[in-house]
Amino acid sequence: MTLETLLKGVPVIPVLAIRDLAQAVPLARALVAGGLPVLEITLRTPAALEAIRAIKGEVEGALVGVGTVLRPDDLDRAAAAGAVFAVSPGLTEDLARAALAGPLPLLPGTATASEMMRARELGFTAVKFFPAAQAGGPAALKAVAPVLPEMRFCPTGGVSAANMAEYLALPNVFCVGGSWVAPDAAIAAGDWHAITVLASEAVGRAVKTA
């Protein structure tokens, strides 16, 4: 399955740093119930790979990806855990080669025009724009659109309920990523209903933008 097929029609990818494995399945169920089935589990916590396995095995409708991929072996470990796509904060030639030859489609991170051009040369036209707020936000993506017309972006980093519509209104943005739909306080409290509501609200904002 290609990255474009996976993410087609998905306005928001929740970016999740799961610290407690027991929270993985109810968190994923809450997000899927709110209309956000595509999840990015970052490799920033020791529980990440086991969380991917648990969600893959127990949450119907969830499509689980792995984030914070830094090395080629991260792709292998994520695929073995059941991930179906990968996201990286940047892109190296080694990682690009491994992704193009491997089992998981990769959404590599870019922040500048030079990085976007390099990603294109390496075979990627769908990329992450990260960190979006610090790299210029919607204005930066609007500026690069005429010179890199084939590039499509998923902004992450500083994306929120307040500004997601501004990003999604851009023709070169196909989705956004963010953690605001699953705040740490709600996860710690086990308030899965609140997370479902936040996910539903995000979907509603995206529909109004479309």
N, C-alpha and C. Protein backbone atom coordinates (compact mmCIF):
# COMPACT_ATOMS: atom_id res chain seq x y z
N MET A 1 0.84 -1.19 0.00
CA MET A 1 0.00 0.00 0.00
C MET A 1 0.88 1.25 0.00
N THR A 2 0.58 2.20 -0.87
CA THR A 2 1.39 3.40 -0.96
C THR A 2 1.00 4.40 0.12
N LEU A 3 1.90 5.34 0.38
CA LEU A 3 1.63 6.37 1.39
C LEU A 3 0.41 7.19 1.00
N GLU A 4 0.30 7.55 -0.28
CA GLU A 4 -0.83 8.34 -0.73
C GLU A 4 -2.15 7.60 -0.52
N THR A 5 -2.16 6.29 -0.75
CA THR A 5 -3.36 5.49 -0.54
C THR A 5 -3.72 5.44 0.94
N LEU A 6 -2.72 5.26 1.78
CA LEU A 6 -2.95 5.18 3.22
C LEU A 6 -3.56 6.47 3.77
N LEU A 7 -3.03 7.60 3.33
CA LEU A 7 -3.39 8.87 3.93
C LEU A 7 -4.49 9.62 3.18
N LYS A 8 -4.99 9.05 2.09
CA LYS A 8 -6.03 9.72 1.32
C LYS A 8 -7.27 9.94 2.18
N GLY A 9 -7.71 11.20 2.25
CA GLY A 9 -8.92 11.51 3.00
C GLY A 9 -8.74 11.58 4.50
N VAL A 10 -7.48 11.47 4.98
CA VAL A 10 -7.21 11.56 6.42
C VAL A 10 -6.70 12.96 6.72
N PRO A 11 -7.49 13.80 7.38
CA PRO A 11 -7.06 15.19 7.57
C PRO A 11 -6.02 15.38 8.66
N VAL A 12 -6.07 14.53 9.70
CA VAL A 12 -5.18 14.70 10.85
C VAL A 12 -4.59 13.36 11.25
N ILE A 13 -3.29 13.34 11.45
CA ILE A 13 -2.61 12.17 12.00
C ILE A 13 -2.23 12.48 13.44
N PRO A 14 -2.85 11.84 14.43
CA PRO A 14 -2.42 12.04 15.81
C PRO A 14 -0.99 11.54 16.00
N VAL A 15 -0.17 12.38 16.60
CA VAL A 15 1.23 12.03 16.89
C VAL A 15 1.30 11.68 18.36
N LEU A 16 1.62 10.42 18.66
CA LEU A 16 1.48 9.88 20.01
C LEU A 16 2.81 9.37 20.57
N ALA A 17 3.15 9.85 21.75
CA ALA A 17 4.30 9.32 22.49
C ALA A 17 3.75 8.52 23.66
N ILE A 18 3.63 7.22 23.48
CA ILE A 18 2.97 6.37 24.48
C ILE A 18 4.00 5.88 25.49
N ARG A 19 3.81 6.29 26.74
CA ARG A 19 4.75 5.94 27.81
C ARG A 19 4.30 4.73 28.61
N ASP A 20 3.01 4.52 28.70
CA ASP A 20 2.44 3.41 29.46
C ASP A 20 1.72 2.49 28.48
N LEU A 21 2.22 1.28 28.33
CA LEU A 21 1.65 0.36 27.36
C LEU A 21 0.16 0.11 27.60
N ALA A 22 -0.28 0.16 28.84
CA ALA A 22 -1.68 -0.09 29.16
C ALA A 22 -2.60 0.97 28.55
N GLN A 23 -2.06 2.13 28.21
CA GLN A 23 -2.87 3.20 27.65
C GLN A 23 -3.01 3.10 26.13
N ALA A 24 -2.20 2.27 25.49
CA ALA A 24 -2.13 2.25 24.03
C ALA A 24 -3.47 1.89 23.38
N VAL A 25 -4.06 0.79 23.78
CA VAL A 25 -5.28 0.31 23.13
C VAL A 25 -6.47 1.24 23.39
N PRO A 26 -6.75 1.64 24.65
CA PRO A 26 -7.88 2.55 24.83
C PRO A 26 -7.68 3.91 24.15
N LEU A 27 -6.44 4.38 24.09
CA LEU A 27 -6.16 5.64 23.39
C LEU A 27 -6.46 5.50 21.90
N ALA A 28 -5.99 4.43 21.31
CA ALA A 28 -6.24 4.20 19.88
C ALA A 28 -7.72 4.05 19.61
N ARG A 29 -8.43 3.32 20.45
CA ARG A 29 -9.87 3.15 20.26
C ARG A 29 -10.60 4.49 20.33
N ALA A 30 -10.17 5.35 21.25
CA ALA A 30 -10.81 6.67 21.38
C ALA A 30 -10.61 7.51 20.13
N LEU A 31 -9.42 7.47 19.56
CA LEU A 31 -9.14 8.25 18.35
C LEU A 31 -9.87 7.69 17.14
N VAL A 32 -9.89 6.38 17.00
CA VAL A 32 -10.63 5.76 15.89
C VAL A 32 -12.11 6.09 16.00
N ALA A 33 -12.66 6.04 17.22
CA ALA A 33 -14.07 6.35 17.42
C ALA A 33 -14.38 7.80 17.04
N GLY A 34 -13.38 8.68 17.19
CA GLY A 34 -13.56 10.07 16.82
C GLY A 34 -13.32 10.36 15.36
N GLY A 35 -12.99 9.34 14.57
CA GLY A 35 -12.82 9.52 13.14
C GLY A 35 -11.39 9.69 12.67
N LEU A 36 -10.41 9.41 13.56
CA LEU A 36 -8.99 9.52 13.18
C LEU A 36 -8.33 8.14 13.32
N PRO A 37 -8.41 7.32 12.27
CA PRO A 37 -7.90 5.96 12.37
C PRO A 37 -6.41 5.79 12.08
N VAL A 38 -5.78 6.81 11.47
CA VAL A 38 -4.36 6.70 11.12
C VAL A 38 -3.54 7.33 12.24
N LEU A 39 -2.71 6.54 12.89
CA LEU A 39 -2.00 6.96 14.10
C LEU A 39 -0.49 6.86 13.89
N GLU A 40 0.23 7.83 14.42
CA GLU A 40 1.68 7.80 14.39
C GLU A 40 2.19 7.59 15.83
N ILE A 41 2.79 6.44 16.07
CA ILE A 41 3.38 6.14 17.37
C ILE A 41 4.88 6.44 17.29
N THR A 42 5.33 7.43 18.03
CA THR A 42 6.73 7.83 17.92
C THR A 42 7.64 6.88 18.69
N LEU A 43 8.87 6.77 18.21
CA LEU A 43 9.86 5.91 18.87
C LEU A 43 10.59 6.64 20.00
N ARG A 44 9.93 7.61 20.58
CA ARG A 44 10.56 8.39 21.65
C ARG A 44 10.37 7.77 23.02
N THR A 45 9.67 6.66 23.10
CA THR A 45 9.46 6.00 24.40
C THR A 45 9.78 4.51 24.28
N PRO A 46 10.19 3.88 25.39
CA PRO A 46 10.49 2.45 25.36
C PRO A 46 9.29 1.58 25.00
N ALA A 47 8.08 2.08 25.24
CA ALA A 47 6.87 1.28 25.00
C ALA A 47 6.40 1.32 23.56
N ALA A 48 7.05 2.09 22.69
CA ALA A 48 6.51 2.37 21.36
C ALA A 48 6.24 1.12 20.53
N LEU A 49 7.21 0.25 20.41
CA LEU A 49 7.03 -0.91 19.53
C LEU A 49 5.97 -1.87 20.07
N GLU A 50 5.95 -2.07 21.38
CA GLU A 50 4.91 -2.92 21.95
C GLU A 50 3.54 -2.28 21.81
N ALA A 51 3.49 -0.95 21.87
CA ALA A 51 2.22 -0.25 21.66
C ALA A 51 1.71 -0.48 20.25
N ILE A 52 2.61 -0.44 19.27
CA ILE A 52 2.22 -0.71 17.89
C ILE A 52 1.65 -2.12 17.76
N ARG A 53 2.32 -3.08 18.37
CA ARG A 53 1.84 -4.46 18.32
C ARG A 53 0.45 -4.58 18.94
N ALA A 54 0.26 -3.96 20.09
CA ALA A 54 -1.02 -4.07 20.79
C ALA A 54 -2.15 -3.44 19.98
N ILE A 55 -1.91 -2.25 19.45
CA ILE A 55 -2.95 -1.57 18.67
C ILE A 55 -3.25 -2.35 17.39
N LYS A 56 -2.21 -2.82 16.74
CA LYS A 56 -2.39 -3.60 15.51
C LYS A 56 -3.27 -4.83 15.77
N GLY A 57 -3.05 -5.46 16.91
CA GLY A 57 -3.77 -6.70 17.19
C GLY A 57 -5.15 -6.53 17.79
N GLU A 58 -5.42 -5.36 18.40
CA GLU A 58 -6.64 -5.25 19.19
C GLU A 58 -7.60 -4.14 18.77
N VAL A 59 -7.16 -3.20 17.94
CA VAL A 59 -8.01 -2.05 17.62
C VAL A 59 -8.46 -2.13 16.17
N GLU A 60 -9.70 -2.52 15.97
CA GLU A 60 -10.25 -2.64 14.62
C GLU A 60 -10.30 -1.27 13.96
N GLY A 61 -9.83 -1.21 12.72
CA GLY A 61 -9.90 0.02 11.96
C GLY A 61 -8.69 0.92 12.08
N ALA A 62 -7.80 0.62 13.02
CA ALA A 62 -6.62 1.46 13.20
C ALA A 62 -5.54 1.13 12.18
N LEU A 63 -4.92 2.16 11.62
CA LEU A 63 -3.75 2.02 10.75
C LEU A 63 -2.59 2.67 11.47
N VAL A 64 -1.64 1.86 11.89
CA VAL A 64 -0.61 2.34 12.80
C VAL A 64 0.70 2.56 12.06
N GLY A 65 1.24 3.76 12.20
CA GLY A 65 2.55 4.07 11.67
C GLY A 65 3.53 4.34 12.80
N VAL A 66 4.78 4.43 12.44
CA VAL A 66 5.83 4.69 13.42
C VAL A 66 6.49 6.02 13.11
N GLY A 67 6.74 6.82 14.14
CA GLY A 67 7.37 8.11 13.95
C GLY A 67 8.74 8.18 14.60
N THR A 68 9.42 9.28 14.38
CA THR A 68 10.78 9.51 14.89
C THR A 68 11.72 8.41 14.40
N VAL A 69 11.55 8.01 13.15
CA VAL A 69 12.46 7.05 12.52
C VAL A 69 13.75 7.78 12.15
N LEU A 70 14.87 7.28 12.65
CA LEU A 70 16.16 7.94 12.43
C LEU A 70 17.15 7.09 11.64
N ARG A 71 17.01 5.76 11.71
CA ARG A 71 17.98 4.87 11.10
C ARG A 71 17.26 3.78 10.30
N PRO A 72 17.94 3.17 9.34
CA PRO A 72 17.31 2.09 8.58
C PRO A 72 16.77 0.97 9.44
N ASP A 73 17.47 0.61 10.52
CA ASP A 73 16.98 -0.51 11.34
C ASP A 73 15.69 -0.17 12.07
N ASP A 74 15.40 1.13 12.25
CA ASP A 74 14.10 1.52 12.83
C ASP A 74 12.96 1.05 11.93
N LEU A 75 13.16 1.11 10.63
CA LEU A 75 12.13 0.66 9.69
C LEU A 75 11.87 -0.83 9.85
N ASP A 76 12.93 -1.61 9.99
CA ASP A 76 12.79 -3.07 10.13
C ASP A 76 12.06 -3.41 11.43
N ARG A 77 12.45 -2.75 12.52
CA ARG A 77 11.82 -3.03 13.81
C ARG A 77 10.34 -2.64 13.79
N ALA A 78 10.05 -1.52 13.16
CA ALA A 78 8.66 -1.06 13.09
C ALA A 78 7.80 -2.00 12.24
N ALA A 79 8.34 -2.43 11.11
CA ALA A 79 7.60 -3.36 10.25
C ALA A 79 7.33 -4.67 10.98
N ALA A 80 8.31 -5.14 11.74
CA ALA A 80 8.13 -6.38 12.50
C ALA A 80 7.06 -6.24 13.57
N ALA A 81 6.89 -5.02 14.08
CA ALA A 81 5.88 -4.77 15.11
C ALA A 81 4.48 -4.59 14.52
N GLY A 82 4.40 -4.40 13.21
CA GLY A 82 3.09 -4.26 12.57
C GLY A 82 2.78 -2.89 12.02
N ALA A 83 3.74 -1.98 12.04
CA ALA A 83 3.51 -0.65 11.47
C ALA A 83 3.30 -0.77 9.96
N VAL A 84 2.51 0.16 9.41
CA VAL A 84 2.23 0.13 7.97
C VAL A 84 2.80 1.35 7.24
N PHE A 85 3.34 2.31 7.98
CA PHE A 85 4.04 3.43 7.36
C PHE A 85 5.02 4.00 8.38
N ALA A 86 5.93 4.84 7.92
CA ALA A 86 6.94 5.42 8.79
C ALA A 86 7.07 6.92 8.54
N VAL A 87 7.47 7.63 9.59
CA VAL A 87 7.65 9.08 9.51
C VAL A 87 8.99 9.42 10.14
N SER A 88 9.76 10.28 9.49
CA SER A 88 11.05 10.69 10.03
C SER A 88 11.12 12.20 10.14
N PRO A 89 11.92 12.72 11.08
CA PRO A 89 12.04 14.18 11.22
C PRO A 89 12.87 14.82 10.11
N GLY A 90 13.70 14.03 9.44
CA GLY A 90 14.54 14.51 8.34
C GLY A 90 14.77 13.37 7.37
N LEU A 91 15.80 13.50 6.53
CA LEU A 91 16.07 12.46 5.55
C LEU A 91 17.56 12.38 5.25
N THR A 92 18.11 11.17 5.36
CA THR A 92 19.48 10.90 4.95
C THR A 92 19.44 9.95 3.76
N GLU A 93 20.55 9.86 3.05
CA GLU A 93 20.59 8.95 1.90
C GLU A 93 20.42 7.51 2.33
N ASP A 94 21.03 7.12 3.45
CA ASP A 94 20.89 5.75 3.94
C ASP A 94 19.44 5.43 4.26
N LEU A 95 18.76 6.35 4.92
CA LEU A 95 17.37 6.12 5.27
C LEU A 95 16.49 6.09 4.02
N ALA A 96 16.78 6.96 3.08
CA ALA A 96 16.01 6.98 1.83
C ALA A 96 16.14 5.66 1.08
N ARG A 97 17.36 5.16 0.95
CA ARG A 97 17.57 3.89 0.25
C ARG A 97 16.85 2.75 0.94
N ALA A 98 16.94 2.72 2.27
CA ALA A 98 16.29 1.64 3.02
C ALA A 98 14.78 1.71 2.87
N ALA A 99 14.23 2.92 2.88
CA ALA A 99 12.78 3.06 2.77
C ALA A 99 12.29 2.67 1.38
N LEU A 100 13.01 3.09 0.35
CA LEU A 100 12.58 2.78 -1.01
C LEU A 100 12.68 1.29 -1.32
N ALA A 101 13.60 0.61 -0.63
CA ALA A 101 13.77 -0.82 -0.86
C ALA A 101 13.02 -1.68 0.14
N GLY A 102 12.49 -1.05 1.19
CA GLY A 102 11.92 -1.80 2.29
C GLY A 102 10.41 -1.93 2.28
N PRO A 103 9.86 -2.43 3.39
CA PRO A 103 8.43 -2.76 3.43
C PRO A 103 7.52 -1.61 3.81
N LEU A 104 8.06 -0.49 4.30
CA LEU A 104 7.21 0.59 4.79
C LEU A 104 7.37 1.85 3.96
N PRO A 105 6.27 2.45 3.49
CA PRO A 105 6.37 3.76 2.86
C PRO A 105 6.78 4.79 3.90
N LEU A 106 7.64 5.73 3.49
CA LEU A 106 8.21 6.71 4.41
C LEU A 106 7.72 8.11 4.09
N LEU A 107 7.35 8.85 5.13
CA LEU A 107 7.06 10.28 5.04
C LEU A 107 8.23 11.01 5.68
N PRO A 108 9.21 11.46 4.87
CA PRO A 108 10.41 12.08 5.45
C PRO A 108 10.19 13.55 5.78
N GLY A 109 10.91 14.02 6.78
CA GLY A 109 10.79 15.40 7.19
C GLY A 109 11.65 16.35 6.36
N THR A 110 11.11 17.54 6.08
CA THR A 110 11.84 18.60 5.40
C THR A 110 11.46 19.92 6.05
N ALA A 111 12.40 20.88 6.02
CA ALA A 111 12.11 22.19 6.59
C ALA A 111 12.45 23.34 5.66
N THR A 112 13.30 23.08 4.67
CA THR A 112 13.75 24.14 3.77
C THR A 112 13.55 23.72 2.31
N ALA A 113 13.65 24.69 1.41
CA ALA A 113 13.52 24.39 -0.02
C ALA A 113 14.60 23.42 -0.46
N SER A 114 15.81 23.58 0.05
CA SER A 114 16.89 22.67 -0.33
C SER A 114 16.60 21.25 0.11
N GLU A 115 16.06 21.09 1.32
CA GLU A 115 15.72 19.75 1.79
C GLU A 115 14.57 19.15 0.97
N MET A 116 13.63 19.98 0.59
CA MET A 116 12.52 19.50 -0.25
C MET A 116 13.04 19.04 -1.61
N MET A 117 13.96 19.82 -2.20
CA MET A 117 14.54 19.44 -3.48
C MET A 117 15.32 18.13 -3.36
N ARG A 118 16.06 17.98 -2.25
CA ARG A 118 16.83 16.75 -2.05
C ARG A 118 15.90 15.55 -1.89
N ALA A 119 14.83 15.73 -1.14
CA ALA A 119 13.87 14.65 -0.98
C ALA A 119 13.29 14.23 -2.33
N ARG A 120 13.00 15.21 -3.16
CA ARG A 120 12.46 14.91 -4.49
C ARG A 120 13.47 14.13 -5.30
N GLU A 121 14.73 14.54 -5.27
CA GLU A 121 15.77 13.82 -6.00
C GLU A 121 15.91 12.37 -5.54
N LEU A 122 15.66 12.15 -4.26
CA LEU A 122 15.78 10.81 -3.69
C LEU A 122 14.52 9.97 -3.89
N GLY A 123 13.48 10.57 -4.47
CA GLY A 123 12.29 9.79 -4.81
C GLY A 123 11.05 10.05 -3.98
N PHE A 124 11.05 11.15 -3.22
CA PHE A 124 9.90 11.43 -2.34
C PHE A 124 9.24 12.74 -2.74
N THR A 125 7.96 12.68 -3.06
CA THR A 125 7.21 13.91 -3.35
C THR A 125 6.16 14.20 -2.28
N ALA A 126 5.88 13.25 -1.42
CA ALA A 126 5.04 13.47 -0.24
C ALA A 126 5.96 13.49 0.97
N VAL A 127 6.01 14.63 1.66
CA VAL A 127 6.96 14.80 2.75
C VAL A 127 6.29 15.46 3.95
N LYS A 128 6.94 15.35 5.08
CA LYS A 128 6.53 16.09 6.27
C LYS A 128 7.20 17.46 6.25
N PHE A 129 6.49 18.48 6.70
CA PHE A 129 7.06 19.82 6.87
C PHE A 129 7.24 20.02 8.36
N PHE A 130 8.50 19.97 8.82
CA PHE A 130 8.78 19.93 10.26
C PHE A 130 10.08 20.66 10.59
N PRO A 131 10.10 21.41 11.69
CA PRO A 131 8.97 21.80 12.53
C PRO A 131 8.20 22.94 11.89
N ALA A 132 6.94 22.73 11.64
CA ALA A 132 6.17 23.62 10.78
C ALA A 132 6.13 25.06 11.29
N ALA A 133 5.82 25.24 12.57
CA ALA A 133 5.71 26.61 13.09
C ALA A 133 7.04 27.34 13.00
N GLN A 134 8.11 26.68 13.39
CA GLN A 134 9.43 27.32 13.40
C GLN A 134 9.99 27.51 11.99
N ALA A 135 9.52 26.70 11.03
CA ALA A 135 10.02 26.78 9.66
C ALA A 135 9.23 27.74 8.78
N GLY A 136 8.27 28.45 9.35
CA GLY A 136 7.57 29.47 8.57
C GLY A 136 6.08 29.29 8.45
N GLY A 137 5.55 28.15 8.91
CA GLY A 137 4.11 27.94 8.93
C GLY A 137 3.47 27.93 7.55
N PRO A 138 2.18 28.22 7.48
CA PRO A 138 1.46 28.20 6.20
C PRO A 138 2.06 29.12 5.15
N ALA A 139 2.60 30.26 5.57
CA ALA A 139 3.18 31.20 4.61
C ALA A 139 4.35 30.58 3.86
N ALA A 140 5.16 29.77 4.54
CA ALA A 140 6.30 29.13 3.89
C ALA A 140 5.84 28.12 2.85
N LEU A 141 4.81 27.33 3.18
CA LEU A 141 4.32 26.35 2.22
C LEU A 141 3.65 27.02 1.02
N LYS A 142 2.98 28.11 1.27
CA LYS A 142 2.38 28.87 0.16
C LYS A 142 3.46 29.41 -0.76
N ALA A 143 4.61 29.81 -0.19
CA ALA A 143 5.69 30.39 -0.99
C ALA A 143 6.39 29.35 -1.86
N VAL A 144 6.52 28.11 -1.37
CA VAL A 144 7.25 27.09 -2.15
C VAL A 144 6.35 26.42 -3.19
N ALA A 145 5.04 26.58 -3.08
CA ALA A 145 4.13 25.89 -3.99
C ALA A 145 4.41 26.16 -5.47
N PRO A 146 4.67 27.40 -5.89
CA PRO A 146 4.89 27.64 -7.32
C PRO A 146 6.19 27.05 -7.86
N VAL A 147 7.21 26.93 -6.99
CA VAL A 147 8.51 26.45 -7.47
C VAL A 147 8.69 24.96 -7.29
N LEU A 148 7.89 24.36 -6.41
CA LEU A 148 7.93 22.90 -6.21
C LEU A 148 6.49 22.37 -6.30
N PRO A 149 5.89 22.48 -7.49
CA PRO A 149 4.47 22.20 -7.62
C PRO A 149 4.08 20.74 -7.38
N GLU A 150 5.03 19.82 -7.56
CA GLU A 150 4.69 18.41 -7.38
C GLU A 150 4.79 17.94 -5.93
N MET A 151 5.35 18.77 -5.04
CA MET A 151 5.53 18.37 -3.66
C MET A 151 4.23 18.52 -2.87
N ARG A 152 3.97 17.55 -2.01
CA ARG A 152 2.81 17.58 -1.13
C ARG A 152 3.30 17.41 0.31
N PHE A 153 2.63 18.10 1.25
CA PHE A 153 3.16 18.22 2.60
C PHE A 153 2.16 17.81 3.68
N CYS A 154 2.74 17.26 4.76
CA CYS A 154 2.02 17.02 6.00
C CYS A 154 2.74 17.83 7.08
N PRO A 155 2.26 19.03 7.39
CA PRO A 155 2.92 19.84 8.42
C PRO A 155 2.72 19.24 9.82
N THR A 156 3.78 19.23 10.61
CA THR A 156 3.70 18.87 12.02
C THR A 156 4.64 19.78 12.79
N GLY A 157 4.38 19.92 14.08
CA GLY A 157 5.19 20.79 14.91
C GLY A 157 4.56 22.16 15.05
N GLY A 158 3.80 22.35 16.13
CA GLY A 158 3.10 23.61 16.33
C GLY A 158 1.75 23.67 15.65
N VAL A 159 1.30 22.57 15.05
CA VAL A 159 -0.04 22.54 14.46
C VAL A 159 -1.05 22.28 15.59
N SER A 160 -2.16 22.98 15.55
CA SER A 160 -3.14 22.90 16.63
C SER A 160 -4.55 23.06 16.07
N ALA A 161 -5.52 22.95 16.97
CA ALA A 161 -6.91 23.16 16.57
C ALA A 161 -7.11 24.57 16.03
N ALA A 162 -6.32 25.51 16.54
CA ALA A 162 -6.49 26.91 16.14
C ALA A 162 -5.98 27.21 14.74
N ASN A 163 -4.97 26.46 14.28
CA ASN A 163 -4.37 26.79 12.98
C ASN A 163 -4.45 25.69 11.93
N MET A 164 -5.01 24.54 12.28
CA MET A 164 -5.02 23.42 11.33
C MET A 164 -5.75 23.78 10.04
N ALA A 165 -6.84 24.56 10.15
CA ALA A 165 -7.61 24.90 8.96
C ALA A 165 -6.79 25.75 7.99
N GLU A 166 -5.91 26.59 8.53
CA GLU A 166 -5.07 27.44 7.67
C GLU A 166 -4.12 26.58 6.84
N TYR A 167 -3.61 25.52 7.45
CA TYR A 167 -2.74 24.60 6.71
C TYR A 167 -3.54 23.81 5.68
N LEU A 168 -4.66 23.24 6.11
CA LEU A 168 -5.43 22.35 5.23
C LEU A 168 -6.04 23.10 4.05
N ALA A 169 -6.16 24.41 4.16
CA ALA A 169 -6.69 25.19 3.05
C ALA A 169 -5.69 25.31 1.90
N LEU A 170 -4.43 24.99 2.14
CA LEU A 170 -3.41 25.09 1.10
C LEU A 170 -3.49 23.89 0.17
N PRO A 171 -3.43 24.09 -1.14
CA PRO A 171 -3.56 22.96 -2.07
C PRO A 171 -2.39 21.97 -2.01
N ASN A 172 -1.23 22.37 -1.49
CA ASN A 172 -0.11 21.44 -1.40
C ASN A 172 -0.01 20.75 -0.05
N VAL A 173 -1.03 20.89 0.78
CA VAL A 173 -1.10 20.19 2.08
C VAL A 173 -2.17 19.12 2.00
N PHE A 174 -1.78 17.86 2.26
CA PHE A 174 -2.77 16.77 2.18
C PHE A 174 -3.25 16.32 3.55
N CYS A 175 -2.53 16.64 4.61
CA CYS A 175 -2.98 16.36 5.97
C CYS A 175 -2.07 17.11 6.93
N VAL A 176 -2.41 17.10 8.20
CA VAL A 176 -1.54 17.66 9.23
C VAL A 176 -1.34 16.61 10.31
N GLY A 177 -0.29 16.79 11.09
CA GLY A 177 -0.04 15.91 12.23
C GLY A 177 0.08 16.72 13.50
N GLY A 178 -0.37 16.16 14.60
CA GLY A 178 -0.27 16.89 15.85
C GLY A 178 -0.68 16.06 17.04
N SER A 179 -0.31 16.55 18.20
CA SER A 179 -0.61 15.84 19.45
C SER A 179 -1.77 16.44 20.21
N TRP A 180 -2.34 17.56 19.72
CA TRP A 180 -3.38 18.23 20.49
C TRP A 180 -4.64 17.40 20.63
N VAL A 181 -4.86 16.45 19.73
CA VAL A 181 -6.06 15.62 19.83
C VAL A 181 -5.95 14.57 20.93
N ALA A 182 -4.75 14.39 21.48
CA ALA A 182 -4.56 13.44 22.58
C ALA A 182 -3.64 14.07 23.62
N PRO A 183 -4.13 15.07 24.35
CA PRO A 183 -3.29 15.77 25.32
C PRO A 183 -2.85 14.86 26.46
N ASP A 184 -1.66 15.16 26.98
CA ASP A 184 -1.09 14.33 28.05
C ASP A 184 -2.02 14.23 29.25
N ALA A 185 -2.67 15.33 29.61
CA ALA A 185 -3.53 15.31 30.80
C ALA A 185 -4.69 14.35 30.63
N ALA A 186 -5.29 14.33 29.44
CA ALA A 186 -6.41 13.43 29.20
C ALA A 186 -5.95 11.98 29.19
N ILE A 187 -4.79 11.73 28.61
CA ILE A 187 -4.25 10.36 28.61
C ILE A 187 -3.97 9.90 30.03
N ALA A 188 -3.32 10.76 30.83
CA ALA A 188 -2.97 10.39 32.20
C ALA A 188 -4.23 10.11 33.03
N ALA A 189 -5.30 10.85 32.76
CA ALA A 189 -6.55 10.67 33.50
C ALA A 189 -7.40 9.53 32.95
N GLY A 190 -7.00 8.98 31.81
CA GLY A 190 -7.82 7.96 31.18
C GLY A 190 -9.13 8.50 30.67
N ASP A 191 -9.14 9.76 30.30
CA ASP A 191 -10.37 10.40 29.83
C ASP A 191 -10.49 10.18 28.32
N TRP A 192 -10.84 8.98 27.95
CA TRP A 192 -10.89 8.59 26.53
C TRP A 192 -12.03 9.29 25.81
N HIS A 193 -13.12 9.59 26.53
CA HIS A 193 -14.24 10.32 25.91
C HIS A 193 -13.78 11.70 25.45
N ALA A 194 -12.99 12.38 26.27
CA ALA A 194 -12.51 13.71 25.90
C ALA A 194 -11.66 13.64 24.64
N ILE A 195 -10.87 12.59 24.51
CA ILE A 195 -10.02 12.44 23.32
C ILE A 195 -10.87 12.14 22.09
N THR A 196 -11.91 11.35 22.25
CA THR A 196 -12.83 11.10 21.13
C THR A 196 -13.48 12.40 20.68
N VAL A 197 -13.87 13.24 21.62
CA VAL A 197 -14.48 14.53 21.29
C VAL A 197 -13.49 15.42 20.54
N LEU A 198 -12.24 15.48 21.00
CA LEU A 198 -11.23 16.29 20.32
C LEU A 198 -10.98 15.79 18.90
N ALA A 199 -10.96 14.46 18.74
CA ALA A 199 -10.77 13.89 17.40
C ALA A 199 -11.94 14.25 16.49
N SER A 200 -13.15 14.13 17.01
CA SER A 200 -14.34 14.47 16.22
C SER A 200 -14.35 15.93 15.82
N GLU A 201 -13.93 16.79 16.75
CA GLU A 201 -13.88 18.22 16.44
C GLU A 201 -12.85 18.51 15.35
N ALA A 202 -11.72 17.82 15.39
CA ALA A 202 -10.71 18.00 14.36
C ALA A 202 -11.23 17.58 12.99
N VAL A 203 -11.93 16.46 12.95
CA VAL A 203 -12.53 16.02 11.69
C VAL A 203 -13.54 17.03 11.20
N GLY A 204 -14.35 17.58 12.11
CA GLY A 204 -15.33 18.58 11.72
C GLY A 204 -14.71 19.83 11.15
N ARG A 205 -13.62 20.29 11.73
CA ARG A 205 -12.92 21.47 11.20
C ARG A 205 -12.36 21.18 9.81
N ALA A 206 -11.84 19.98 9.63
CA ALA A 206 -11.28 19.61 8.33
C ALA A 206 -12.35 19.57 7.25
N VAL A 207 -13.53 19.07 7.60
CA VAL A 207 -14.63 19.01 6.63
C VAL A 207 -15.04 20.41 6.20
N LYS A 208 -15.06 21.35 7.13
CA LYS A 208 -15.43 22.72 6.80
C LYS A 208 -14.39 23.37 5.87
N THR A 209 -13.13 22.92 6.01
CA THR A 209 -12.06 23.48 5.19
C THR A 209 -12.11 22.95 3.77
N ALA A 210 -12.53 21.69 3.62
CA ALA A 210 -12.50 21.02 2.31
C ALA A 210 -13.41 21.69 1.30
